[in-house]
Each structure stands twice: as structure tokens, then as C-alpha cells.
């Protein structure tokens, strides 16, 4: 259990900078800021200065085209 466990991996669906939504609040656009240990750290697109939100991959949906 060294430092390699904290490095980002390519096993995530969403990439840094992707816009995603949480089904519990689909009107709130989120920007993926970081992905570590199967957890996405997101900021609100419209208000990035507010507190970050943390989600598992199963709790997010992609931007609708």
C-alpha cells in the first residue's frame, strides 16, 4: 500500500472536466474535478467557489446531448 494507490487511474467513465449530473438533482450541472478511489469530486458549474460535492460513479449521469 504505497503512494501508487493515490494516483489517478484510467478505469473511470468520466474524465476530469466532464459535465455530469446527479439524478437526485438533475438541474445542477457538475464539473468533474478529480477522481480518486472510485470517487468523483465535483464542483458546481455555475458556482465553482461553493463547497465540492462527492459522488460514486453509480450516482452520476452524463451530460445529455
Protein backbone atom coordinates (compact mmCIF):
# COMPACT_ATOMS: atom_id res chain seq x y z
CA UNK A 1 0.00 0.00 0.00
CA UNK A 2 2.25 2.72 -1.28
CA UNK A 3 1.72 6.06 -2.94
CA UNK A 4 0.55 4.40 -6.18
CA UNK A 5 -2.88 3.86 -4.66
CA UNK A 6 -3.44 7.64 -4.68
CA UNK A 7 -2.60 8.11 -8.37
CA UNK A 8 -5.49 8.62 -10.82
CA UNK A 9 -6.39 5.58 -12.89
CA UNK A 10 -8.00 5.13 -16.29
CA UNK A 11 -10.80 2.90 -15.01
CA UNK A 12 -13.24 5.77 -14.57
CA UNK A 13 -16.04 6.56 -17.04
CA UNK A 14 -15.97 10.34 -16.63
CA UNK A 15 -12.81 12.34 -17.23
CA UNK A 16 -11.63 15.49 -15.47
CA UNK A 17 -13.57 18.44 -16.89
CA UNK A 18 -16.61 16.38 -17.96
CA UNK A 19 -20.01 17.80 -17.13
CA UNK A 20 -22.22 15.37 -15.24
CA UNK A 21 -25.46 15.39 -13.28
CA UNK A 22 -26.68 13.63 -10.15
CA UNK A 23 -30.14 12.06 -10.64
CA UNK A 24 -31.18 13.37 -7.21
CA UNK A 25 -30.75 16.94 -8.56
CA UNK A 26 -30.72 16.81 -12.38
CA UNK A 27 -30.88 20.60 -12.76
CA UNK A 28 -27.47 21.07 -11.12
CA UNK A 29 -24.59 20.77 -13.60
CA UNK A 30 -21.39 19.44 -12.06
CA UNK A 31 -17.83 19.51 -13.40
CA UNK A 32 -15.60 16.56 -12.53
CA UNK A 33 -12.53 17.96 -10.77
CA UNK A 34 -10.87 14.79 -9.53
CA UNK A 35 -11.25 11.02 -9.45
CA UNK A 36 -9.66 9.01 -6.64
CA UNK A 37 -10.55 5.55 -5.29
CA UNK A 38 -13.79 5.22 -7.28
CA UNK A 39 -14.99 8.59 -6.00
CA UNK A 40 -15.65 11.69 -8.12
CA UNK A 41 -15.01 15.12 -6.64
CA UNK A 42 -17.17 17.68 -8.44
CA UNK A 43 -17.77 21.43 -8.39
CA UNK A 44 -20.94 23.18 -9.42
CA UNK A 45 -20.58 24.52 -12.94
CA UNK A 46 -22.34 27.81 -12.22
CA UNK A 47 -20.80 28.37 -8.75
CA UNK A 48 -17.34 26.77 -8.58
CA UNK A 49 -16.49 28.70 -5.41
CA UNK A 50 -19.02 26.68 -3.40
CA UNK A 51 -18.16 23.52 -1.49
CA UNK A 52 -17.29 20.47 -3.61
CA UNK A 53 -19.59 17.54 -3.88
CA UNK A 54 -18.51 13.91 -3.74
CA UNK A 55 -20.19 11.09 -5.66
CA UNK A 56 -19.66 7.47 -6.58
CA UNK A 57 -19.79 6.66 -10.28
CA UNK A 58 -23.19 4.98 -9.95
CA UNK A 59 -24.62 8.25 -8.60
CA UNK A 60 -23.81 10.28 -11.73
CA UNK A 61 -25.18 10.52 -15.24
CA UNK A 62 -23.50 12.08 -18.29
CA UNK A 63 -24.43 15.31 -19.98
CA UNK A 64 -27.43 14.85 -22.22
CA UNK A 65 -26.64 15.57 -25.88
